Amino acid sequence: MPDLSSRIRPCTVVYLVLMALTLTTFLIGQYRIGGLAASLLVLGFALIKGQLIGDYFMGLKGIRGMWRWVVLIWLFLPGGLIATAFYLSA
C-alpha cells in the first residue's frame, strides 16, 4: 500500500490550510467574538493566508530579491498599520 503523504501535493496541503483559516475567521464572525485579541487574530490569519498564496500559488517560494520583498512589504505594511489602529483604539 503506497504512503498517502507521498501522493498529496504541497499546494493541496496549503489549500486545506487556507480553507481552515477561512473557516475559523468565518466562525469568529458568526459567533460575534470581538475585542482586540480576536481582531488581531483575524488580521494575523489574513497575513498568513497572503504569504501562503504568494509562496505557493504565485510561485514566489523559491524567489529571492526584490519580488519577494515587494510581496512581504505589501502584506506587512497595511497589516502593521491596521494592527496599530486596532491597538490604539482599544
PDB file of N, CA and C in Angstrom:
ATOM      1  N   MET A   1       0.841  -1.170   0.000  1.00  0.00           N
ATOM      2  CA  MET A   1       0.000   0.000   0.000  1.00  0.00           C
ATOM      3  C   MET A   1       0.893   1.241   0.000  1.00  0.00           C
ATOM      4  N   PRO A   2       0.712   2.147  -0.963  1.00  0.00           N
ATOM      5  CA  PRO A   2       1.571   3.334  -1.042  1.00  0.00           C
ATOM      6  C   PRO A   2       1.290   4.302   0.106  1.00  0.00           C
ATOM      7  N   ASP A   3       2.337   5.052   0.469  1.00  0.00           N
ATOM      8  CA  ASP A   3       2.232   6.047   1.521  1.00  0.00           C
ATOM      9  C   ASP A   3       1.384   7.221   1.032  1.00  0.00           C
ATOM     10  N   LEU A   4       0.360   7.590   1.801  1.00  0.00           N
ATOM     11  CA  LEU A   4      -0.561   8.651   1.396  1.00  0.00           C
ATOM     12  C   LEU A   4       0.130  10.001   1.307  1.00  0.00           C
ATOM     13  N   SER A   5       1.107  10.260   2.195  1.00  0.00           N
ATOM     14  CA  SER A   5       1.770  11.563   2.195  1.00  0.00           C
ATOM     15  C   SER A   5       2.590  11.795   0.936  1.00  0.00           C
ATOM     16  N   SER A   6       2.997  10.730   0.246  1.00  0.00           N
ATOM     17  CA  SER A   6       3.761  10.912  -0.988  1.00  0.00           C
ATOM     18  C   SER A   6       2.863  11.293  -2.151  1.00  0.00           C
ATOM     19  N   ARG A   7       1.556  11.126  -2.016  1.00  0.00           N
ATOM     20  CA  ARG A   7       0.639  11.454  -3.103  1.00  0.00           C
ATOM     21  C   ARG A   7       0.010  12.837  -2.949  1.00  0.00           C
ATOM     22  N   ILE A   8       0.064  13.421  -1.757  1.00  0.00           N
ATOM     23  CA  ILE A   8      -0.543  14.735  -1.539  1.00  0.00           C
ATOM     24  C   ILE A   8       0.475  15.821  -1.884  1.00  0.00           C
ATOM     25  N   ARG A   9       0.093  16.666  -2.831  1.00  0.00           N
ATOM     26  CA  ARG A   9       0.985  17.743  -3.255  1.00  0.00           C
ATOM     27  C   ARG A   9       0.977  18.875  -2.241  1.00  0.00           C
ATOM     28  N   PRO A  10       2.089  19.632  -2.146  1.00  0.00           N
ATOM     29  CA  PRO A  10       2.144  20.751  -1.185  1.00  0.00           C
ATOM     30  C   PRO A  10       1.037  21.782  -1.397  1.00  0.00           C
ATOM     31  N   CYS A  11       0.679  22.038  -2.641  1.00  0.00           N
ATOM     32  CA  CYS A  11      -0.378  23.021  -2.906  1.00  0.00           C
ATOM     33  C   CYS A  11      -1.720  22.557  -2.349  1.00  0.00           C
ATOM     34  N   THR A  12      -1.944  21.247  -2.323  1.00  0.00           N
ATOM     35  CA  THR A  12      -3.180  20.726  -1.746  1.00  0.00           C
ATOM     36  C   THR A  12      -3.205  20.954  -0.242  1.00  0.00           C
ATOM     37  N   VAL A  13      -2.079  20.726   0.412  1.00  0.00           N
ATOM     38  CA  VAL A  13      -1.992  20.970   1.850  1.00  0.00           C
ATOM     39  C   VAL A  13      -2.184  22.452   2.143  1.00  0.00           C
ATOM     40  N   VAL A  14      -1.560  23.312   1.364  1.00  0.00           N
ATOM     41  CA  VAL A  14      -1.706  24.760   1.557  1.00  0.00           C
ATOM     42  C   VAL A  14      -3.156  25.165   1.339  1.00  0.00           C
ATOM     43  N   TYR A  15      -3.809  24.591   0.336  1.00  0.00           N
ATOM     44  CA  TYR A  15      -5.215  24.890   0.078  1.00  0.00           C
ATOM     45  C   TYR A  15      -6.078  24.509   1.279  1.00  0.00           C
ATOM     46  N   LEU A  16      -5.817  23.356   1.864  1.00  0.00           N
ATOM     47  CA  LEU A  16      -6.574  22.925   3.037  1.00  0.00           C
ATOM     48  C   LEU A  16      -6.322  23.838   4.237  1.00  0.00           C
ATOM     49  N   VAL A  17      -5.083  24.300   4.401  1.00  0.00           N
ATOM     50  CA  VAL A  17      -4.771  25.248   5.475  1.00  0.00           C
ATOM     51  C   VAL A  17      -5.504  26.566   5.234  1.00  0.00           C
ATOM     52  N   LEU A  18      -5.512  27.036   3.995  1.00  0.00           N
ATOM     53  CA  LEU A  18      -6.233  28.266   3.665  1.00  0.00           C
ATOM     54  C   LEU A  18      -7.719  28.124   3.972  1.00  0.00           C
ATOM     55  N   MET A  19      -8.294  26.990   3.639  1.00  0.00           N
ATOM     56  CA  MET A  19      -9.710  26.755   3.916  1.00  0.00           C
ATOM     57  C   MET A  19      -9.980  26.711   5.419  1.00  0.00           C
ATOM     58  N   ALA A  20      -9.079  26.084   6.183  1.00  0.00           N
ATOM     59  CA  ALA A  20      -9.249  26.014   7.639  1.00  0.00           C
ATOM     60  C   ALA A  20      -9.165  27.406   8.266  1.00  0.00           C
ATOM     61  N   LEU A  21      -8.214  28.217   7.814  1.00  0.00           N
ATOM     62  CA  LEU A  21      -8.103  29.584   8.334  1.00  0.00           C
ATOM     63  C   LEU A  21      -9.323  30.421   7.957  1.00  0.00           C
ATOM     64  N   THR A  22      -9.835  30.226   6.757  1.00  0.00           N
ATOM     65  CA  THR A  22     -11.027  30.945   6.323  1.00  0.00           C
ATOM     66  C   THR A  22     -12.232  30.525   7.150  1.00  0.00           C
ATOM     67  N   LEU A  23     -12.385  29.233   7.393  1.00  0.00           N
ATOM     68  CA  LEU A  23     -13.492  28.750   8.212  1.00  0.00           C
ATOM     69  C   LEU A  23     -13.396  29.289   9.634  1.00  0.00           C
ATOM     70  N   THR A  24     -12.198  29.316  10.189  1.00  0.00           N
ATOM     71  CA  THR A  24     -12.005  29.857  11.539  1.00  0.00           C
ATOM     72  C   THR A  24     -12.372  31.332  11.586  1.00  0.00           C
ATOM     73  N   THR A  25     -11.968  32.087  10.585  1.00  0.00           N
ATOM     74  CA  THR A  25     -12.311  33.507  10.512  1.00  0.00           C
ATOM     75  C   THR A  25     -13.823  33.685  10.412  1.00  0.00           C
ATOM     76  N   PHE A  26     -14.459  32.858   9.599  1.00  0.00           N
ATOM     77  CA  PHE A  26     -15.914  32.914   9.455  1.00  0.00           C
ATOM     78  C   PHE A  26     -16.602  32.633  10.788  1.00  0.00           C
ATOM     79  N   LEU A  27     -16.134  31.614  11.499  1.00  0.00           N
ATOM     80  CA  LEU A  27     -16.748  31.257  12.780  1.00  0.00           C
ATOM     81  C   LEU A  27     -16.543  32.341  13.832  1.00  0.00           C
ATOM     82  N   ILE A  28     -15.406  32.999  13.812  1.00  0.00           N
ATOM     83  CA  ILE A  28     -15.180  34.121  14.737  1.00  0.00           C
ATOM     84  C   ILE A  28     -16.216  35.215  14.487  1.00  0.00           C
ATOM     85  N   GLY A  29     -16.492  35.496  13.235  1.00  0.00           N
ATOM     86  CA  GLY A  29     -17.513  36.488  12.908  1.00  0.00           C
ATOM     87  C   GLY A  29     -18.914  35.997  13.205  1.00  0.00           C
ATOM     88  N   GLN A  30     -19.179  34.742  12.940  1.00  0.00           N
ATOM     89  CA  GLN A  30     -20.504  34.172  13.146  1.00  0.00           C
ATOM     90  C   GLN A  30     -20.889  34.157  14.628  1.00  0.00           C
ATOM     91  N   TYR A  31     -19.932  33.854  15.493  1.00  0.00           N
ATOM     92  CA  TYR A  31     -20.191  33.833  16.929  1.00  0.00           C
ATOM     93  C   TYR A  31     -19.978  35.202  17.585  1.00  0.00           C
ATOM     94  N   ARG A  32     -19.721  36.212  16.758  1.00  0.00           N
ATOM     95  CA  ARG A  32     -19.556  37.594  17.215  1.00  0.00           C
ATOM     96  C   ARG A  32     -18.498  37.726  18.311  1.00  0.00           C
ATOM     97  N   ILE A  33     -17.403  37.042  18.100  1.00  0.00           N
ATOM     98  CA  ILE A  33     -16.283  37.147  19.026  1.00  0.00           C
ATOM     99  C   ILE A  33     -15.564  38.453  18.709  1.00  0.00           C
ATOM    100  N   GLY A  34     -15.463  39.317  19.669  1.00  0.00           N
ATOM    101  CA  GLY A  34     -14.881  40.635  19.428  1.00  0.00           C
ATOM    102  C   GLY A  34     -13.689  40.904  20.322  1.00  0.00           C
ATOM    103  N   GLY A  35     -13.253  42.119  20.266  1.00  0.00           N
ATOM    104  CA  GLY A  35     -12.140  42.537  21.094  1.00  0.00           C
ATOM    105  C   GLY A  35     -10.858  42.623  20.305  1.00  0.00           C
ATOM    106  N   LEU A  36      -9.861  43.149  20.966  1.00  0.00           N
ATOM    107  CA  LEU A  36      -8.557  43.363  20.334  1.00  0.00           C
ATOM    108  C   LEU A  36      -7.902  42.051  19.941  1.00  0.00           C
ATOM    109  N   ALA A  37      -7.957  41.063  20.821  1.00  0.00           N
ATOM    110  CA  ALA A  37      -7.302  39.783  20.537  1.00  0.00           C
ATOM    111  C   ALA A  37      -7.922  39.104  19.316  1.00  0.00           C
ATOM    112  N   ALA A  38      -9.237  39.098  19.220  1.00  0.00           N
ATOM    113  CA  ALA A  38      -9.903  38.471  18.071  1.00  0.00           C
ATOM    114  C   ALA A  38      -9.577  39.227  16.786  1.00  0.00           C
ATOM    115  N   SER A  39      -9.565  40.549  16.870  1.00  0.00           N
ATOM    116  CA  SER A  39      -9.255  41.352  15.685  1.00  0.00           C
ATOM    117  C   SER A  39      -7.831  41.100  15.194  1.00  0.00           C
ATOM    118  N   LEU A  40      -6.895  41.059  16.132  1.00  0.00           N
ATOM    119  CA  LEU A  40      -5.510  40.797  15.745  1.00  0.00           C
ATOM    120  C   LEU A  40      -5.327  39.366  15.247  1.00  0.00           C
ATOM    121  N   LEU A  41      -6.089  38.421  15.800  1.00  0.00           N
ATOM    122  CA  LEU A  41      -6.034  37.041  15.321  1.00  0.00           C
ATOM    123  C   LEU A  41      -6.508  36.939  13.876  1.00  0.00           C
ATOM    124  N   VAL A  42      -7.626  37.585  13.573  1.00  0.00           N
ATOM    125  CA  VAL A  42      -8.145  37.575  12.200  1.00  0.00           C
ATOM    126  C   VAL A  42      -7.164  38.275  11.258  1.00  0.00           C
ATOM    127  N   LEU A  43      -6.568  39.364  11.699  1.00  0.00           N
ATOM    128  CA  LEU A  43      -5.568  40.065  10.891  1.00  0.00           C
ATOM    129  C   LEU A  43      -4.349  39.164  10.662  1.00  0.00           C
ATOM    130  N   GLY A  44      -3.922  38.473  11.698  1.00  0.00           N
ATOM    131  CA  GLY A  44      -2.806  37.525  11.556  1.00  0.00           C
ATOM    132  C   GLY A  44      -3.119  36.422  10.564  1.00  0.00           C
ATOM    133  N   PHE A  45      -4.349  35.913  10.628  1.00  0.00           N
ATOM    134  CA  PHE A  45      -4.758  34.892   9.659  1.00  0.00           C
ATOM    135  C   PHE A  45      -4.687  35.433   8.232  1.00  0.00           C
ATOM    136  N   ALA A  46      -5.116  36.681   8.043  1.00  0.00           N
ATOM    137  CA  ALA A  46      -5.070  37.287   6.711  1.00  0.00           C
ATOM    138  C   ALA A  46      -3.629  37.416   6.214  1.00  0.00           C
ATOM    139  N   LEU A  47      -2.713  37.782   7.108  1.00  0.00           N
ATOM    140  CA  LEU A  47      -1.305  37.906   6.715  1.00  0.00           C
ATOM    141  C   LEU A  47      -0.714  36.536   6.368  1.00  0.00           C
ATOM    142  N   ILE A  48      -1.033  35.530   7.160  1.00  0.00           N
ATOM    143  CA  ILE A  48      -0.550  34.170   6.876  1.00  0.00           C
ATOM    144  C   ILE A  48      -1.109  33.674   5.554  1.00  0.00           C
ATOM    145  N   LYS A  49      -2.388  33.905   5.327  1.00  0.00           N
ATOM    146  CA  LYS A  49      -3.000  33.465   4.070  1.00  0.00           C
ATOM    147  C   LYS A  49      -2.369  34.171   2.867  1.00  0.00           C
ATOM    148  N   GLY A  50      -2.110  35.468   3.000  1.00  0.00           N
ATOM    149  CA  GLY A  50      -1.468  36.199   1.909  1.00  0.00           C
ATOM    150  C   GLY A  50      -0.077  35.669   1.615  1.00  0.00           C
ATOM    151  N   GLN A  51       0.677  35.343   2.667  1.00  0.00           N
ATOM    152  CA  GLN A  51       2.018  34.797   2.467  1.00  0.00           C
ATOM    153  C   GLN A  51       1.965  33.413   1.815  1.00  0.00           C
ATOM    154  N   LEU A  52       1.036  32.580   2.240  1.00  0.00           N
ATOM    155  CA  LEU A  52       0.897  31.253   1.629  1.00  0.00           C
ATOM    156  C   LEU A  52       0.514  31.352   0.160  1.00  0.00           C
ATOM    157  N   ILE A  53      -0.384  32.264  -0.153  1.00  0.00           N
ATOM    158  CA  ILE A  53      -0.784  32.448  -1.552  1.00  0.00           C
ATOM    159  C   ILE A  53       0.402  32.928  -2.377  1.00  0.00           C
ATOM    160  N   GLY A  54       1.158  33.876  -1.843  1.00  0.00           N
ATOM    161  CA  GLY A  54       2.341  34.365  -2.557  1.00  0.00           C
ATOM    162  C   GLY A  54       3.374  33.271  -2.769  1.00  0.00           C
ATOM    163  N   ASP A  55       3.611  32.472  -1.735  1.00  0.00           N
ATOM    164  CA  ASP A  55       4.626  31.425  -1.822  1.00  0.00           C
ATOM    165  C   ASP A  55       4.239  30.309  -2.781  1.00  0.00           C
ATOM    166  N   TYR A  56       3.043  29.778  -2.638  1.00  0.00           N
ATOM    167  CA  TYR A  56       2.689  28.557  -3.353  1.00  0.00           C
ATOM    168  C   TYR A  56       1.910  28.783  -4.638  1.00  0.00           C
ATOM    169  N   PHE A  57       0.992  29.734  -4.651  1.00  0.00           N
ATOM    170  CA  PHE A  57       0.149  29.897  -5.829  1.00  0.00           C
ATOM    171  C   PHE A  57       0.660  30.971  -6.784  1.00  0.00           C
ATOM    172  N   MET A  58       1.491  31.888  -6.286  1.00  0.00           N
ATOM    173  CA  MET A  58       2.127  32.865  -7.170  1.00  0.00           C
ATOM    174  C   MET A  58       3.539  32.435  -7.531  1.00  0.00           C
ATOM    175  N   GLY A  59       4.029  31.361  -6.922  1.00  0.00           N
ATOM    176  CA  GLY A  59       5.338  30.812  -7.259  1.00  0.00           C
ATOM    177  C   GLY A  59       6.514  31.588  -6.711  1.00  0.00           C
ATOM    178  N   LEU A  60       6.341  32.284  -5.597  1.00  0.00           N
ATOM    179  CA  LEU A  60       7.419  33.113  -5.060  1.00  0.00           C
ATOM    180  C   LEU A  60       8.231  32.422  -3.972  1.00  0.00           C
ATOM    181  N   LYS A  61       7.957  31.162  -3.703  1.00  0.00           N
ATOM    182  CA  LYS A  61       8.656  30.478  -2.620  1.00  0.00           C
ATOM    183  C   LYS A  61      10.160  30.393  -2.863  1.00  0.00           C
ATOM    184  N   GLY A  62      10.574  30.107  -4.071  1.00  0.00           N
ATOM    185  CA  GLY A  62      11.988  29.962  -4.365  1.00  0.00           C
ATOM    186  C   GLY A  62      12.664  31.221  -4.859  1.00  0.00           C
ATOM    187  N   ILE A  63      11.939  32.326  -4.898  1.00  0.00           N
ATOM    188  CA  ILE A  63      12.469  33.582  -5.424  1.00  0.00           C
ATOM    189  C   ILE A  63      13.171  34.349  -4.313  1.00  0.00           C
ATOM    190  N   ARG A  64      14.308  34.899  -4.627  1.00  0.00           N
ATOM    191  CA  ARG A  64      14.997  35.805  -3.704  1.00  0.00           C
ATOM    192  C   ARG A  64      15.057  37.178  -4.352  1.00  0.00           C
ATOM    193  N   GLY A  65      15.168  38.171  -3.511  1.00  0.00           N
ATOM    194  CA  GLY A  65      15.349  39.505  -4.067  1.00  0.00           C
ATOM    195  C   GLY A  65      14.095  40.346  -4.016  1.00  0.00           C
ATOM    196  N   MET A  66      14.011  41.261  -4.973  1.00  0.00           N
ATOM    197  CA  MET A  66      13.017  42.313  -4.950  1.00  0.00           C
ATOM    198  C   MET A  66      11.578  41.793  -4.938  1.00  0.00           C
ATOM    199  N   TRP A  67      11.244  40.818  -5.753  1.00  0.00           N
ATOM    200  CA  TRP A  67       9.854  40.381  -5.851  1.00  0.00           C
ATOM    201  C   TRP A  67       9.357  39.768  -4.553  1.00  0.00           C
ATOM    202  N   ARG A  68      10.214  39.067  -3.878  1.00  0.00           N
ATOM    203  CA  ARG A  68       9.833  38.503  -2.579  1.00  0.00           C
ATOM    204  C   ARG A  68       9.595  39.625  -1.569  1.00  0.00           C
ATOM    205  N   TRP A  69      10.449  40.641  -1.581  1.00  0.00           N
ATOM    206  CA  TRP A  69      10.297  41.756  -0.653  1.00  0.00           C
ATOM    207  C   TRP A  69       9.070  42.594  -0.956  1.00  0.00           C
ATOM    208  N   VAL A  70       8.738  42.737  -2.217  1.00  0.00           N
ATOM    209  CA  VAL A  70       7.553  43.520  -2.590  1.00  0.00           C
ATOM    210  C   VAL A  70       6.308  42.896  -1.980  1.00  0.00           C
ATOM    211  N   VAL A  71       6.181  41.585  -2.062  1.00  0.00           N
ATOM    212  CA  VAL A  71       5.013  40.912  -1.507  1.00  0.00           C
ATOM    213  C   VAL A  71       5.019  40.988   0.018  1.00  0.00           C
ATOM    214  N   LEU A  72       6.170  40.807   0.639  1.00  0.00           N
ATOM    215  CA  LEU A  72       6.247  40.899   2.095  1.00  0.00           C
ATOM    216  C   LEU A  72       5.879  42.296   2.590  1.00  0.00           C
ATOM    217  N   ILE A  73       6.397  43.318   1.920  1.00  0.00           N
ATOM    218  CA  ILE A  73       6.075  44.691   2.310  1.00  0.00           C
ATOM    219  C   ILE A  73       4.593  44.967   2.071  1.00  0.00           C
ATOM    220  N   TRP A  74       4.074  44.476   0.955  1.00  0.00           N
ATOM    221  CA  TRP A  74       2.661  44.652   0.632  1.00  0.00           C
ATOM    222  C   TRP A  74       1.775  44.016   1.708  1.00  0.00           C
ATOM    223  N   LEU A  75       2.209  42.918   2.280  1.00  0.00           N
ATOM    224  CA  LEU A  75       1.435  42.266   3.338  1.00  0.00           C
ATOM    225  C   LEU A  75       1.596  42.947   4.694  1.00  0.00           C
ATOM    226  N   PHE A  76       2.830  43.255   5.059  1.00  0.00           N
ATOM    227  CA  PHE A  76       3.088  43.707   6.417  1.00  0.00           C
ATOM    228  C   PHE A  76       2.882  45.202   6.640  1.00  0.00           C
ATOM    229  N   LEU A  77       3.024  46.017   5.633  1.00  0.00           N
ATOM    230  CA  LEU A  77       2.801  47.456   5.822  1.00  0.00           C
ATOM    231  C   LEU A  77       1.336  47.751   6.128  1.00  0.00           C
ATOM    232  N   PRO A  78       0.395  47.353   5.291  1.00  0.00           N
ATOM    233  CA  PRO A  78      -1.010  47.596   5.669  1.00  0.00           C
ATOM    234  C   PRO A  78      -1.411  46.820   6.921  1.00  0.00           C
ATOM    235  N   GLY A  79      -0.896  45.582   7.058  1.00  0.00           N
ATOM    236  CA  GLY A  79      -1.221  44.797   8.249  1.00  0.00           C
ATOM    237  C   GLY A  79      -0.730  45.455   9.517  1.00  0.00           C
ATOM    238  N   GLY A  80       0.475  46.003   9.472  1.00  0.00           N
ATOM    239  CA  GLY A  80       1.016  46.703  10.629  1.00  0.00           C
ATOM    240  C   GLY A  80       0.241  47.971  10.950  1.00  0.00           C
ATOM    241  N   LEU A  81      -0.156  48.688   9.918  1.00  0.00           N
ATOM    242  CA  LEU A  81      -0.945  49.901  10.137  1.00  0.00           C
ATOM    243  C   LEU A  81      -2.322  49.576  10.715  1.00  0.00           C
ATOM    244  N   ILE A  82      -2.941  48.527  10.224  1.00  0.00           N
ATOM    245  CA  ILE A  82      -4.240  48.115  10.753  1.00  0.00           C
ATOM    246  C   ILE A  82      -4.102  47.643  12.196  1.00  0.00           C
ATOM    247  N   ALA A  83      -3.062  46.869  12.480  1.00  0.00           N
ATOM    248  CA  ALA A  83      -2.839  46.401  13.849  1.00  0.00           C
ATOM    249  C   ALA A  83      -2.603  47.570  14.788  1.00  0.00           C
ATOM    250  N   THR A  84      -1.851  48.558  14.336  1.00  0.00           N
ATOM    251  CA  THR A  84      -1.620  49.760  15.150  1.00  0.00           C
ATOM    252  C   THR A  84      -2.926  50.498  15.416  1.00  0.00           C
ATOM    253  N   ALA A  85      -3.775  50.598  14.409  1.00  0.00           N
ATOM    254  CA  ALA A  85      -5.061  51.273  14.591  1.00  0.00           C
ATOM    255  C   ALA A  85      -5.929  50.521  15.591  1.00  0.00           C
ATOM    256  N   PHE A  86      -5.949  49.196  15.499  1.00  0.00           N
ATOM    257  CA  PHE A  86      -6.715  48.403  16.471  1.00  0.00           C
ATOM    258  C   PHE A  86      -6.163  48.583  17.869  1.00  0.00           C
ATOM    259  N   TYR A  87      -4.849  48.574  17.984  1.00  0.00           N
ATOM    260  CA  TYR A  87      -4.214  48.703  19.297  1.00  0.00           C
ATOM    261  C   TYR A  87      -4.478  50.066  19.930  1.00  0.00           C
ATOM    262  N   LEU A  88      -4.381  51.102  19.120  1.00  0.00           N
ATOM    263  CA  LEU A  88      -4.586  52.448  19.636  1.00  0.00           C
ATOM    264  C   LEU A  88      -6.050  52.725  19.995  1.00  0.00           C
ATOM    265  N   SER A  89      -6.971  52.052  19.322  1.00  0.00           N
ATOM    266  CA  SER A  89      -8.379  52.271  19.617  1.00  0.00           C
ATOM    267  C   SER A  89      -8.857  51.508  20.844  1.00  0.00           C
ATOM    268  N   ALA A  90      -8.089  50.517  21.286  1.00  0.00           N
ATOM    269  CA  ALA A  90      -8.516  49.700  22.442  1.00  0.00           C
ATOM    270  C   ALA A  90      -8.179  50.352  23.757  1.00  0.00           C
TER     271      ALA A  90
END
